[in-house]
């Protein structure tokens, strides 16, 4: 199978497939006599696994680790669970950070008059001139 066919079957762009090969996330494809990459069904399954893992937000390093665990039939499920639990903790941290950002932006937009005046609490907040978490409006 050529890279275009594998791309369609896996849902991973040809550019991304070449990138994954270049960083060693997936094995380099065999080459056909014409020099083109030649993939098999196993490559499609691996790329689907990578795509689903990346869609779940796993880092490239974690995906590499999960791929190793996936192909290792002697693995302990505890090892896989540990990777997933670590990822959940990272997601929860990001959620907390995003909630803080949202609250700050809500505060700044509530403080903004949104009219023809040049003063803007949003820009002041981005410049670090406004108090972020406490609602301080000068309306």
Protein backbone atom coordinates (compact mmCIF):
# COMPACT_ATOMS: atom_id res chain seq x y z
CA UNK A 1 0.00 0.00 0.00
CA UNK A 2 1.30 3.47 -0.77
CA UNK A 3 1.29 6.35 1.70
CA UNK A 4 -1.86 7.89 0.20
CA UNK A 5 -3.85 4.70 0.69
CA UNK A 6 -2.55 4.22 4.24
CA UNK A 7 -3.39 7.84 4.97
CA UNK A 8 -7.00 7.34 3.84
CA UNK A 9 -7.41 4.05 5.71
CA UNK A 10 -5.86 5.32 8.95
CA UNK A 11 -7.12 8.90 8.91
CA UNK A 12 -3.56 10.17 9.42
CA UNK A 13 -2.21 12.61 6.83
CA UNK A 14 0.75 11.56 4.69
CA UNK A 15 2.76 14.46 6.10
CA UNK A 16 2.10 13.27 9.66
CA UNK A 17 2.98 9.69 8.75
CA UNK A 18 6.32 10.87 7.38
CA UNK A 19 6.84 12.94 10.54
CA UNK A 20 6.07 9.97 12.81
CA UNK A 21 8.61 7.93 10.84
CA UNK A 22 11.23 10.68 11.08
CA UNK A 23 10.97 10.88 14.89
CA UNK A 24 10.91 7.10 15.30
CA UNK A 25 7.36 6.91 16.66
CA UNK A 26 6.54 4.37 13.97
CA UNK A 27 8.92 2.18 11.99
CA UNK A 28 10.20 3.33 8.64
CA UNK A 29 8.11 1.81 5.87
CA UNK A 30 9.62 -0.74 3.55
CA UNK A 31 10.41 0.57 0.09
CA UNK A 32 8.94 -0.88 -3.08
CA UNK A 33 11.10 -1.37 -6.16
CA UNK A 34 10.04 2.06 -7.40
CA UNK A 35 11.37 3.65 -4.18
CA UNK A 36 7.97 4.51 -2.78
CA UNK A 37 7.02 3.66 0.77
CA UNK A 38 5.17 0.35 1.00
CA UNK A 39 2.84 -0.22 3.96
CA UNK A 40 0.83 -3.16 5.20
CA UNK A 41 -2.40 -3.56 7.16
CA UNK A 42 -0.44 -3.70 10.42
CA UNK A 43 0.86 -0.21 9.68
CA UNK A 44 -2.72 1.01 9.26
CA UNK A 45 -3.65 -0.43 12.67
CA UNK A 46 -0.62 1.15 14.31
CA UNK A 47 -1.47 4.53 12.77
CA UNK A 48 -5.08 4.24 13.94
CA UNK A 49 -3.81 3.47 17.44
CA UNK A 50 -1.51 6.49 17.31
CA UNK A 51 -4.29 8.71 15.99
CA UNK A 52 -6.72 7.66 18.74
CA UNK A 53 -4.03 8.10 21.39
CA UNK A 54 -3.14 11.57 20.12
CA UNK A 55 -6.84 12.48 19.97
CA UNK A 56 -7.02 11.58 23.66
CA UNK A 57 -4.26 14.11 24.23
CA UNK A 58 -1.38 11.75 24.94
CA UNK A 59 2.04 13.22 24.20
CA UNK A 60 4.19 11.68 21.48
CA UNK A 61 6.38 10.19 24.22
CA UNK A 62 3.40 8.62 25.96
CA UNK A 63 2.11 7.30 22.63
CA UNK A 64 5.47 5.67 22.05
CA UNK A 65 5.27 4.08 25.48
CA UNK A 66 1.68 2.93 24.86
CA UNK A 67 2.67 1.46 21.49
CA UNK A 68 5.42 -0.52 23.19
CA UNK A 69 2.93 -1.75 25.78
CA UNK A 70 0.36 -2.56 23.09
CA UNK A 71 2.69 -4.84 21.16
CA UNK A 72 4.15 -6.43 24.30
CA UNK A 73 1.74 -9.24 25.13
CA UNK A 74 3.65 -9.91 28.39
CA UNK A 75 2.91 -6.43 29.71
CA UNK A 76 1.12 -5.80 32.97
CA UNK A 77 -2.10 -3.85 32.64
CA UNK A 78 -0.92 -1.88 35.67
CA UNK A 79 1.75 -0.33 33.46
CA UNK A 80 -0.87 0.84 30.97
CA UNK A 81 -3.11 2.10 33.76
CA UNK A 82 -0.22 4.10 35.23
CA UNK A 83 0.27 5.92 31.93
CA UNK A 84 -3.46 6.66 31.73
CA UNK A 85 -3.65 7.85 35.34
CA UNK A 86 -0.67 10.16 34.82
CA UNK A 87 -2.41 11.57 31.76
CA UNK A 88 -5.65 12.11 33.70
CA UNK A 89 -3.72 14.08 36.33
CA UNK A 90 -2.19 16.24 33.57
CA UNK A 91 -5.64 16.83 32.06
CA UNK A 92 -7.05 17.83 35.45
CA UNK A 93 -4.18 20.30 35.89
CA UNK A 94 -4.86 21.82 32.47
CA UNK A 95 -8.57 22.06 33.27
CA UNK A 96 -7.73 23.95 36.44
CA UNK A 97 -5.46 26.30 34.50
CA UNK A 98 -8.10 26.84 31.81
CA UNK A 99 -10.77 27.56 34.44
CA UNK A 100 -8.48 30.19 35.94
CA UNK A 101 -7.93 31.75 32.51
CA UNK A 102 -11.67 31.71 31.83
CA UNK A 103 -12.41 33.39 35.17
CA UNK A 104 -9.82 36.07 34.53
CA UNK A 105 -11.17 36.77 31.06
CA UNK A 106 -14.75 36.84 32.34
CA UNK A 107 -13.73 39.36 34.98
CA UNK A 108 -11.91 41.52 32.45
CA UNK A 109 -14.76 41.44 29.93
CA UNK A 110 -17.30 42.27 32.66
CA UNK A 111 -15.15 45.27 33.59
CA UNK A 112 -14.89 46.46 29.99
CA UNK A 113 -17.41 49.11 28.97
CA UNK A 114 -17.29 47.96 25.36
CA UNK A 115 -17.94 51.48 24.09
CA UNK A 116 -15.98 54.24 22.37
CA UNK A 117 -13.72 54.96 25.34
CA UNK A 118 -10.03 54.16 24.80
CA UNK A 119 -9.46 52.66 28.26
CA UNK A 120 -9.80 48.90 28.18
CA UNK A 121 -9.51 46.61 31.20
CA UNK A 122 -8.93 43.65 28.88
CA UNK A 123 -5.79 45.19 27.38
CA UNK A 124 -4.69 46.40 30.81
CA UNK A 125 -5.15 42.86 32.14
CA UNK A 126 -3.13 41.38 29.31
CA UNK A 127 -0.42 43.93 30.05
CA UNK A 128 -0.47 42.80 33.68
CA UNK A 129 -1.90 46.09 34.93
CA UNK A 130 -5.18 44.70 36.27
CA UNK A 131 -5.78 42.40 39.21
CA UNK A 132 -6.57 39.06 37.60
CA UNK A 133 -8.68 37.02 40.00
CA UNK A 134 -10.44 39.79 41.91
CA UNK A 135 -13.19 41.66 40.20
CA UNK A 136 -12.04 45.27 40.21
CA UNK A 137 -14.06 47.38 37.84
CA UNK A 138 -13.84 51.08 37.42
CA UNK A 139 -17.17 51.61 35.66
